[in-house]
Amino acid sequence: MIYLTNTVGLNPGIVGTLIAASKFFDGVTDIFFGAMIDKTKSRMGKARPWMLYAYIGCAVTLVAIFAVPLDMGRTSQYIWFFIAYTLLNAVFYTANNIAYSALTALVTKNSKERVQMGSYRFIFAFATSLLIQSITIGAVAAFGGGAFGWRTIAIIYAIIGLLVNTISVLSVKELSQEELSRSDMEEENGPEAGNNLKAGDIQAKGTVEEKYGLMEAAKLLIANKYYLMICGVYILQQIYTAMINMGIYYMTYVLKNENLYGVFSWAVNIPLIIALLLTPALVVKWNGMYKLNLRGYMISTAGRALVIVAGYLGSVPLMLLFTGIAALGQGPWQGDMNAVIAACSEYTYLTKHKRVDGTMYSCTSLGIKLGGGLGTAVAGWLLAASGFVGTAAVQSDSCIRMLYFIYLWIPMLISLAMTFILSRMNVEAANKKIKQQGDV
């Protein structure tokens, strides 16, 4: 957003509207690519081919977003951004991210390993996010600033992403469908059932050859209340992140020091990484993910409420302290989120007897796109409504008040809403109850 408003000179309200309009093109792509992954058969498995090839498109469109020609007419610039943004989110990122997330359920059936995979995944994700937030502004300036600086950094990040994504794809192996189905049978009926189950029997049960179309896949997801809850939490989480990322405006125009954005990034990401390191052990200690996630977000909500108090007191040290406490509470959900989605997929299997792992993980891409897009759009609308002018050194009082609302109040309200949803999302207990009823 700050590239588009302060470098290209686009109106934040129009950019927000274009982002919101782009979401209409995203409406069915999540479920579509999830269903395609479920139906894919290749030597690489179901998810890995999509993860590998889709990132090529991600790299190209990422660079395109940060390469809007300055000599274009204003309308052409908006069109350029809209097409690049839509292709990145609705097509390439969707296919890549759903496949990447689905690997959690496709490379292991062990719940503890899934939690560990999720924790390690987000440890590196937040460490990378911390690095990017700390160095990007300075790196852009080091390359001369302006459009050339942003474009150069985008190219560097795209190349690094392409290399790392390829290494990730080639470094894992998916379980065969027979292994996945055998594991399900063992969970329901004991090891002997899995050992004695023949491939023909598996296919007869409908767990190898899934025969369902896009509409039926959508119905399977909608029928799973935990899937809807996870989508809701994921969307809110991404809106939260979008508001926190507006901190670059808050630091620049309220705290009068844009370099504080990197400092606050440390206050967010270091506690998250610490929490992720502890998450696998805490899941074992508390015998599941439900209590850990709920209590964590109760802490997070309290932390964000105290950030508001510190913000109005004008105390940067207290803001950093309470920001860290809030981030620490959010960590467990970040670490075991993929394991919760896997449990959600298991709930569909136990109730509908269909494997929809790829389709189920569409909630990750759906949440990132809708939440991130909506969050960025709302931030743009609010900035425009407040009278923000990207080329002005000093902003109006109405704009400053709006930055307080965006950066301080909205994250706390979102954290409160997420706490309520997580209090209702005990999918582990639901699965255990169904299995017990089946034994009876």
Protein backbone atom coordinates (compact mmCIF):
# COMPACT_ATOMS: atom_id res chain seq x y z
CA MET A 1 0.00 0.00 0.00
CA ILE A 2 2.74 2.49 0.90
CA TYR A 3 4.47 1.72 -2.43
CA LEU A 4 1.28 2.38 -4.37
CA THR A 5 0.35 5.55 -2.47
CA ASN A 6 3.70 7.22 -1.84
CA THR A 7 5.75 6.06 -4.87
CA VAL A 8 3.26 5.50 -7.69
CA GLY A 9 0.87 8.13 -6.33
CA LEU A 10 -2.33 6.10 -6.47
CA ASN A 11 -5.36 6.93 -4.36
CA PRO A 12 -5.66 4.54 -1.37
CA GLY A 13 -9.44 4.48 -1.64
CA ILE A 14 -9.36 3.42 -5.30
CA VAL A 15 -6.67 0.83 -4.58
CA GLY A 16 -8.82 -0.54 -1.76
CA THR A 17 -11.81 -0.75 -4.08
CA LEU A 18 -9.80 -2.61 -6.73
CA ILE A 19 -8.58 -5.08 -4.11
CA ALA A 20 -12.14 -5.67 -2.94
CA ALA A 21 -13.33 -6.14 -6.54
CA SER A 22 -10.53 -8.63 -7.13
CA LYS A 23 -12.00 -10.83 -4.41
CA PHE A 24 -14.98 -11.58 -6.65
CA PHE A 25 -12.61 -13.44 -8.96
CA ASP A 26 -11.35 -15.38 -5.96
CA GLY A 27 -14.82 -16.66 -5.10
CA VAL A 28 -14.48 -20.23 -6.39
CA THR A 29 -10.78 -20.62 -7.03
CA ASP A 30 -9.97 -21.87 -3.52
CA ILE A 31 -12.42 -24.76 -3.62
CA PHE A 32 -11.62 -25.34 -7.30
CA PHE A 33 -7.89 -25.78 -6.74
CA GLY A 34 -8.50 -27.78 -3.56
CA ALA A 35 -10.71 -30.19 -5.50
CA MET A 36 -8.16 -30.35 -8.32
CA ILE A 37 -5.43 -31.27 -5.84
CA ASP A 38 -7.63 -34.03 -4.40
CA LYS A 39 -8.12 -35.46 -7.91
CA THR A 40 -4.50 -35.15 -9.03
CA LYS A 41 -2.48 -38.33 -9.67
CA SER A 42 1.19 -38.09 -10.48
CA ARG A 43 4.54 -39.55 -9.55
CA MET A 44 5.05 -36.52 -7.30
CA GLY A 45 1.73 -37.06 -5.53
CA LYS A 46 -1.30 -34.82 -5.28
CA ALA A 47 -0.05 -31.52 -3.86
CA ARG A 48 3.59 -31.20 -4.84
CA PRO A 49 3.07 -30.60 -8.61
CA TRP A 50 0.73 -27.69 -7.88
CA MET A 51 3.09 -26.25 -5.30
CA LEU A 52 6.04 -26.45 -7.71
CA TYR A 53 4.62 -24.98 -10.90
CA ALA A 54 2.24 -22.41 -9.40
CA TYR A 55 5.07 -20.53 -7.72
CA ILE A 56 6.56 -19.61 -11.09
CA GLY A 57 3.42 -17.56 -11.67
CA CYS A 58 3.67 -16.17 -8.13
CA ALA A 59 7.18 -14.90 -8.79
CA VAL A 60 6.25 -13.20 -12.07
CA THR A 61 3.11 -11.49 -10.76
CA LEU A 62 4.81 -10.42 -7.51
CA VAL A 63 7.38 -8.51 -9.55
CA ALA A 64 4.64 -7.12 -11.79
CA ILE A 65 2.81 -5.59 -8.82
CA PHE A 66 5.95 -3.66 -7.87
CA ALA A 67 6.73 -2.69 -11.45
CA VAL A 68 3.83 -0.39 -12.29
CA PRO A 69 5.19 1.91 -15.08
CA LEU A 70 5.32 5.50 -13.85
CA ASP A 71 4.94 6.91 -17.36
CA MET A 72 1.59 5.19 -17.86
CA GLY A 73 -1.68 7.05 -17.62
CA ARG A 74 -3.35 6.87 -14.22
CA THR A 75 -6.14 4.59 -15.46
CA SER A 76 -3.63 2.22 -17.06
CA GLN A 77 -1.70 2.06 -13.78
CA TYR A 78 -4.82 1.00 -11.89
CA ILE A 79 -5.56 -1.64 -14.57
CA TRP A 80 -1.96 -2.95 -14.43
CA PHE A 81 -2.15 -3.32 -10.65
CA PHE A 82 -5.59 -4.94 -10.73
CA ILE A 83 -4.61 -7.61 -13.29
CA ALA A 84 -1.30 -8.45 -11.58
CA TYR A 85 -2.89 -8.55 -8.12
CA THR A 86 -5.77 -10.74 -9.27
CA LEU A 87 -3.53 -13.22 -11.08
CA LEU A 88 -1.23 -13.46 -8.07
CA ASN A 89 -3.99 -14.05 -5.53
CA ALA A 90 -6.81 -15.75 -7.43
CA VAL A 91 -4.68 -18.14 -9.48
CA PHE A 92 -1.04 -18.72 -8.68
CA TYR A 93 -0.91 -18.09 -4.93
CA THR A 94 -4.13 -20.05 -4.41
CA ALA A 95 -2.78 -23.17 -6.10
CA ASN A 96 0.61 -22.92 -4.41
CA ASN A 97 -0.60 -22.21 -0.89
CA ILE A 98 -3.38 -24.80 -0.77
CA ALA A 99 -0.95 -27.44 -2.01
CA TYR A 100 1.70 -26.33 0.50
CA SER A 101 -0.76 -26.41 3.39
CA ALA A 102 -2.28 -29.75 2.34
CA LEU A 103 1.13 -31.41 2.60
CA THR A 104 0.67 -31.41 6.38
CA ALA A 105 -2.07 -34.01 5.98
CA LEU A 106 -0.43 -35.85 3.07
CA VAL A 107 3.06 -36.56 4.40
CA THR A 108 2.11 -37.87 7.86
CA LYS A 109 -0.90 -39.09 9.83
CA ASN A 110 0.73 -38.48 13.19
CA SER A 111 -0.94 -35.61 15.06
CA LYS A 112 2.22 -34.72 17.00
CA GLU A 113 4.24 -34.53 13.79
CA ARG A 114 1.59 -32.28 12.25
CA VAL A 115 1.85 -29.88 15.18
CA GLN A 116 5.65 -29.92 14.91
CA MET A 117 5.47 -29.28 11.16
CA GLY A 118 3.13 -26.35 11.70
CA SER A 119 5.36 -24.92 14.43
CA TYR A 120 8.54 -25.20 12.37
CA ARG A 121 6.77 -23.82 9.32
CA PHE A 122 5.68 -20.67 11.12
CA ILE A 123 8.94 -20.26 13.02
CA PHE A 124 10.63 -19.78 9.65
CA ALA A 125 7.68 -17.78 8.32
CA PHE A 126 7.79 -15.26 11.17
CA ALA A 127 11.60 -15.14 11.15
CA THR A 128 11.44 -14.32 7.43
CA SER A 129 8.68 -11.79 8.03
CA LEU A 130 10.80 -10.16 10.72
CA LEU A 131 13.75 -9.99 8.33
CA ILE A 132 11.65 -8.52 5.51
CA GLN A 133 10.00 -5.93 7.75
CA SER A 134 13.36 -4.96 9.23
CA ILE A 135 15.36 -4.53 6.02
CA THR A 136 12.96 -3.78 3.15
CA ILE A 137 12.59 -0.03 3.64
CA GLY A 138 16.35 0.35 4.04
CA ALA A 139 17.05 -1.98 1.10
CA VAL A 140 14.73 0.00 -1.16
CA ALA A 141 16.62 3.16 -0.20
CA ALA A 142 19.96 1.39 -0.76
CA PHE A 143 18.92 0.66 -4.35
CA GLY A 144 18.15 4.31 -4.94
CA GLY A 145 14.60 4.39 -3.60
CA GLY A 146 11.53 5.13 -5.67
CA ALA A 147 10.07 2.75 -8.23
CA PHE A 148 13.45 1.26 -9.20
CA GLY A 149 14.27 0.41 -5.59
CA TRP A 150 10.92 -1.32 -4.99
CA ARG A 151 11.11 -3.24 -8.27
CA THR A 152 14.66 -4.45 -7.57
CA ILE A 153 13.73 -5.73 -4.10
CA ALA A 154 10.64 -7.47 -5.52
CA ILE A 155 12.82 -9.28 -8.08
CA ILE A 156 15.26 -10.39 -5.37
CA TYR A 157 12.46 -11.68 -3.14
CA ALA A 158 10.77 -13.47 -6.07
CA ILE A 159 14.00 -15.29 -7.00
CA ILE A 160 14.66 -16.33 -3.40
CA GLY A 161 11.09 -17.55 -3.08
CA LEU A 162 11.34 -19.55 -6.29
CA LEU A 163 14.51 -21.30 -5.12
CA VAL A 164 13.23 -22.09 -1.63
CA ASN A 165 9.84 -23.27 -2.89
CA THR A 166 11.52 -25.67 -5.33
CA ILE A 167 13.77 -27.06 -2.61
CA SER A 168 10.72 -27.59 -0.37
CA VAL A 169 8.85 -29.48 -3.08
CA LEU A 170 11.78 -31.79 -3.79
CA SER A 171 12.56 -32.44 -0.12
CA VAL A 172 9.36 -34.26 0.93
CA LYS A 173 7.43 -37.32 -0.14
CA GLU A 174 3.67 -37.76 0.03
CA LEU A 175 2.09 -40.90 1.46
CA SER A 176 0.28 -43.09 -1.04
CA GLN A 177 -3.51 -43.08 -1.00
CA GLU A 178 -3.44 -46.66 0.29
CA GLU A 179 -1.22 -45.58 3.22
CA LEU A 180 -3.50 -42.66 4.03
CA SER A 181 -6.63 -44.82 3.92
CA ARG A 182 -5.00 -47.62 5.90
CA SER A 183 -4.14 -45.16 8.61
CA ASP A 184 -7.75 -44.01 8.80
CA MET A 185 -8.94 -47.60 9.13
CA GLU A 186 -6.42 -48.21 11.89
CA GLU A 187 -7.68 -45.19 13.80
CA GLU A 188 -11.24 -46.41 13.58
CA ASN A 189 -10.84 -50.18 13.97
CA GLY A 190 -7.31 -50.83 15.25
CA PRO A 191 -4.03 -51.92 13.57
CA GLU A 192 -5.40 -55.26 12.43
CA ALA A 193 -8.01 -53.56 10.26
CA GLY A 194 -5.33 -51.54 8.50
CA ASN A 195 -3.08 -54.57 7.96
CA ASN A 196 -5.88 -56.73 6.59
CA LEU A 197 -7.42 -54.09 4.35
CA LYS A 198 -6.89 -54.74 0.67
CA ALA A 199 -6.58 -52.10 -1.99
CA GLY A 200 -9.86 -53.23 -3.54
CA ASP A 201 -11.61 -52.85 -0.21
CA ILE A 202 -10.25 -49.35 0.16
CA GLN A 203 -11.50 -48.40 -3.27
CA ALA A 204 -14.86 -49.98 -2.49
CA LYS A 205 -15.18 -47.72 0.54
CA GLY A 206 -14.58 -44.74 -1.73
CA THR A 207 -11.39 -43.54 -0.04
CA VAL A 208 -9.04 -44.01 -2.99
CA GLU A 209 -11.16 -42.86 -5.91
CA GLU A 210 -13.04 -39.79 -4.77
CA LYS A 211 -16.03 -39.19 -7.02
CA TYR A 212 -17.29 -35.71 -6.35
CA GLY A 213 -17.47 -32.50 -8.28
CA LEU A 214 -16.94 -28.89 -7.34
CA MET A 215 -20.46 -28.39 -6.01
CA GLU A 216 -20.34 -31.50 -3.85
CA ALA A 217 -16.94 -30.46 -2.53
CA ALA A 218 -18.42 -27.10 -1.56
CA LYS A 219 -21.34 -28.83 0.16
CA LEU A 220 -18.95 -31.06 2.12
CA LEU A 221 -17.11 -27.99 3.38
CA ILE A 222 -20.22 -26.00 4.23
CA ALA A 223 -21.62 -28.99 6.14
CA ASN A 224 -18.54 -28.95 8.38
CA LYS A 225 -19.13 -26.24 10.98
CA TYR A 226 -15.51 -26.39 12.09
CA TYR A 227 -14.37 -25.56 8.57
CA LEU A 228 -16.55 -22.44 8.66
CA MET A 229 -15.10 -21.49 12.04
CA ILE A 230 -11.53 -21.96 10.81
CA CYS A 231 -12.30 -19.83 7.74
CA GLY A 232 -13.70 -17.14 10.01
CA VAL A 233 -10.65 -17.19 12.28
CA TYR A 234 -8.28 -17.22 9.32
CA ILE A 235 -10.03 -14.26 7.68
CA LEU A 236 -9.99 -12.28 10.93
CA GLN A 237 -6.34 -13.18 11.47
CA GLN A 238 -5.37 -11.80 8.07
CA ILE A 239 -7.39 -8.61 8.60
CA TYR A 240 -5.55 -8.27 11.91
CA THR A 241 -2.22 -8.66 10.13
CA ALA A 242 -3.20 -6.08 7.52
CA MET A 243 -4.01 -3.58 10.26
CA ILE A 244 -0.75 -4.26 12.09
CA ASN A 245 1.11 -3.75 8.80
CA MET A 246 -0.44 -0.29 8.64
CA GLY A 247 2.00 0.41 11.45
CA ILE A 248 4.35 1.85 8.83
CA TYR A 249 1.90 4.77 8.51
CA TYR A 250 1.43 4.98 12.30
CA MET A 251 5.20 5.10 12.91
CA THR A 252 5.74 7.66 10.14
CA TYR A 253 2.96 10.12 10.93
CA VAL A 254 2.10 9.53 14.62
CA LEU A 255 5.39 8.48 16.23
CA LYS A 256 7.38 10.51 13.65
CA ASN A 257 9.92 7.74 13.09
CA GLU A 258 9.38 5.21 10.28
CA ASN A 259 12.34 3.16 11.55
CA LEU A 260 10.26 2.14 14.57
CA TYR A 261 8.31 -0.14 12.22
CA GLY A 262 11.24 -2.56 12.23
CA VAL A 263 11.48 -2.36 16.03
CA PHE A 264 7.80 -3.22 16.42
CA SER A 265 8.31 -6.08 13.98
CA TRP A 266 10.81 -7.54 16.43
CA ALA A 267 8.28 -7.10 19.25
CA VAL A 268 5.76 -9.13 17.23
CA ASN A 269 7.86 -11.84 15.64
CA ILE A 270 10.31 -12.79 18.40
CA PRO A 271 7.52 -13.68 20.91
CA LEU A 272 5.72 -15.56 18.12
CA ILE A 273 8.83 -17.63 17.43
CA ILE A 274 9.28 -18.35 21.17
CA ALA A 275 5.65 -19.46 21.44
CA LEU A 276 6.02 -21.68 18.38
CA LEU A 277 9.04 -23.40 19.92
CA LEU A 278 6.95 -24.19 23.01
CA THR A 279 3.74 -25.18 21.20
CA PRO A 280 4.44 -28.92 20.59
CA ALA A 281 5.30 -29.48 24.27
CA LEU A 282 2.29 -27.46 25.46
CA VAL A 283 -0.07 -29.43 23.19
CA VAL A 284 1.15 -32.63 24.85
CA LYS A 285 0.97 -31.15 28.35
CA TRP A 286 -2.59 -29.91 27.90
CA ASN A 287 -3.66 -33.02 26.00
CA GLY A 288 -4.76 -31.24 22.85
CA MET A 289 -4.91 -27.92 21.05
CA TYR A 290 -8.26 -26.47 22.17
CA LYS A 291 -7.34 -25.13 25.62
CA LEU A 292 -3.96 -23.89 24.44
CA ASN A 293 -5.41 -21.90 21.54
CA LEU A 294 -8.23 -20.40 23.61
CA ARG A 295 -6.06 -19.35 26.55
CA GLY A 296 -3.45 -17.99 24.19
CA TYR A 297 -5.92 -15.66 22.51
CA MET A 298 -7.33 -14.54 25.85
CA ILE A 299 -3.79 -13.35 26.65
CA SER A 300 -3.51 -11.79 23.21
CA THR A 301 -6.72 -9.79 23.63
CA ALA A 302 -5.60 -8.47 27.00
CA GLY A 303 -2.24 -7.53 25.48
CA ARG A 304 -3.81 -5.58 22.62
CA ALA A 305 -6.11 -3.75 25.06
CA LEU A 306 -3.02 -2.61 26.99
CA VAL A 307 -1.37 -1.51 23.72
CA ILE A 308 -4.27 0.93 23.31
CA VAL A 309 -3.65 2.36 26.77
CA ALA A 310 0.09 2.67 26.10
CA GLY A 311 -0.60 4.27 22.72
CA TYR A 312 -2.70 7.06 24.18
CA LEU A 313 -0.10 7.54 26.92
CA GLY A 314 2.48 7.97 24.18
CA SER A 315 4.81 5.38 25.72
CA VAL A 316 6.70 3.49 23.02
CA PRO A 317 8.40 1.10 25.52
CA LEU A 318 5.03 0.05 26.97
CA MET A 319 3.57 -0.34 23.48
CA LEU A 320 6.46 -2.67 22.60
CA LEU A 321 6.03 -4.68 25.82
CA PHE A 322 2.30 -5.24 25.40
CA THR A 323 2.68 -5.88 21.67
CA GLY A 324 5.06 -8.70 22.58
CA ILE A 325 2.63 -10.14 25.15
CA ALA A 326 -0.17 -10.12 22.57
CA ALA A 327 2.04 -11.85 20.00
CA LEU A 328 3.09 -14.48 22.55
CA GLY A 329 -0.56 -15.41 23.05
CA GLN A 330 -1.14 -15.75 19.30
CA GLY A 331 1.77 -18.14 18.78
CA PRO A 332 0.14 -21.49 19.71
CA TRP A 333 -2.66 -21.06 17.15
CA GLN A 334 -0.13 -20.27 14.46
CA GLY A 335 1.82 -23.43 15.31
CA ASP A 336 -1.01 -25.95 15.52
CA MET A 337 -3.35 -24.37 12.97
CA ASN A 338 -2.56 -26.90 10.23
CA ALA A 339 -3.07 -29.75 12.71
CA VAL A 340 -6.47 -28.29 13.60
CA ILE A 341 -7.37 -28.17 9.89
CA ALA A 342 -6.25 -31.81 9.55
CA ALA A 343 -8.55 -32.67 12.47
CA CYS A 344 -11.29 -30.74 10.69
CA SER A 345 -10.68 -32.85 7.56
CA GLU A 346 -10.87 -35.96 9.72
CA TYR A 347 -14.27 -34.75 10.99
CA THR A 348 -15.57 -34.72 7.41
CA TYR A 349 -14.13 -38.21 6.86
CA LEU A 350 -15.76 -39.55 10.03
CA THR A 351 -19.15 -38.00 9.23
CA LYS A 352 -19.23 -38.16 5.41
CA HIS A 353 -16.66 -40.93 4.65
CA LYS A 354 -14.87 -38.85 2.03
CA ARG A 355 -11.26 -37.67 1.93
CA VAL A 356 -11.14 -33.94 1.16
CA ASP A 357 -7.70 -32.97 2.46
CA GLY A 358 -6.80 -30.67 -0.43
CA THR A 359 -10.25 -29.09 -0.51
CA MET A 360 -10.26 -28.67 3.27
CA TYR A 361 -7.01 -26.73 3.19
CA SER A 362 -8.64 -24.23 0.87
CA CYS A 363 -9.51 -22.36 4.06
CA THR A 364 -5.87 -21.28 4.33
CA SER A 365 -5.81 -19.64 0.92
CA LEU A 366 -9.40 -18.42 1.27
CA GLY A 367 -8.58 -16.79 4.60
CA ILE A 368 -5.35 -15.21 3.38
CA LYS A 369 -6.94 -13.80 0.24
CA LEU A 370 -10.25 -12.63 1.67
CA GLY A 371 -8.82 -11.51 4.99
CA GLY A 372 -5.65 -9.95 3.62
CA GLY A 373 -7.45 -8.37 0.68
CA LEU A 374 -10.35 -7.13 2.79
CA GLY A 375 -8.01 -5.84 5.46
CA THR A 376 -5.89 -3.93 2.94
CA ALA A 377 -9.01 -2.63 1.19
CA VAL A 378 -10.60 -1.42 4.44
CA ALA A 379 -7.34 0.24 5.46
CA GLY A 380 -7.23 2.01 2.09
CA TRP A 381 -10.83 3.15 2.39
CA LEU A 382 -10.31 4.43 5.92
CA LEU A 383 -7.15 6.29 4.91
CA ALA A 384 -8.91 7.90 1.96
CA ALA A 385 -11.91 8.84 4.12
CA SER A 386 -9.62 10.48 6.66
CA GLY A 387 -8.11 12.77 4.01
CA PHE A 388 -4.71 11.08 3.73
CA VAL A 389 -2.38 12.55 1.08
CA GLY A 390 0.57 10.32 0.21
CA THR A 391 2.79 13.15 -1.02
CA ALA A 392 2.21 15.35 2.05
CA ALA A 393 4.86 15.51 4.79
CA VAL A 394 2.25 16.28 7.47
CA GLN A 395 -1.21 14.70 7.68
CA SER A 396 -4.45 16.23 8.95
CA ASP A 397 -5.81 15.69 12.48
CA SER A 398 -8.59 13.50 11.08
CA CYS A 399 -5.98 11.28 9.43
CA ILE A 400 -3.99 10.97 12.68
CA ARG A 401 -7.15 9.97 14.57
CA MET A 402 -7.87 7.38 11.90
CA LEU A 403 -4.37 5.91 12.24
CA TYR A 404 -4.98 5.49 15.98
CA PHE A 405 -8.20 3.63 15.19
CA ILE A 406 -6.63 1.42 12.50
CA TYR A 407 -3.48 0.48 14.39
CA LEU A 408 -4.71 0.39 18.00
CA TRP A 409 -8.43 -0.33 18.18
CA ILE A 410 -9.19 -2.63 15.24
CA PRO A 411 -6.55 -5.28 16.16
CA MET A 412 -7.93 -5.51 19.73
CA LEU A 413 -11.52 -5.90 18.49
CA ILE A 414 -10.47 -8.59 16.01
CA SER A 415 -8.53 -10.46 18.70
CA LEU A 416 -11.64 -10.43 20.89
CA ALA A 417 -13.76 -11.86 18.05
CA MET A 418 -11.19 -14.61 17.38
CA THR A 419 -11.19 -15.56 21.07
CA PHE A 420 -14.95 -16.09 20.94
CA ILE A 421 -14.76 -18.30 17.82
CA LEU A 422 -11.90 -20.38 19.25
CA SER A 423 -13.99 -20.99 22.37
CA ARG A 424 -16.46 -22.87 20.13
CA MET A 425 -13.93 -24.78 18.01
CA ASN A 426 -13.19 -28.01 19.91
CA VAL A 427 -12.98 -30.30 16.86
CA GLU A 428 -10.72 -32.76 18.69
CA ALA A 429 -13.44 -33.53 21.23
CA ALA A 430 -16.01 -33.88 18.43
CA ASN A 431 -13.86 -36.43 16.59
CA LYS A 432 -13.22 -38.38 19.78
CA LYS A 433 -16.93 -38.51 20.54
CA ILE A 434 -17.76 -39.80 17.05
CA LYS A 435 -15.13 -42.54 17.34
CA GLN A 436 -16.45 -43.58 20.74
CA GLN A 437 -19.99 -43.76 19.39
CA GLY A 438 -18.72 -45.87 16.51
CA ASP A 439 -17.11 -48.31 18.94
CA VAL A 440 -20.40 -48.64 20.77
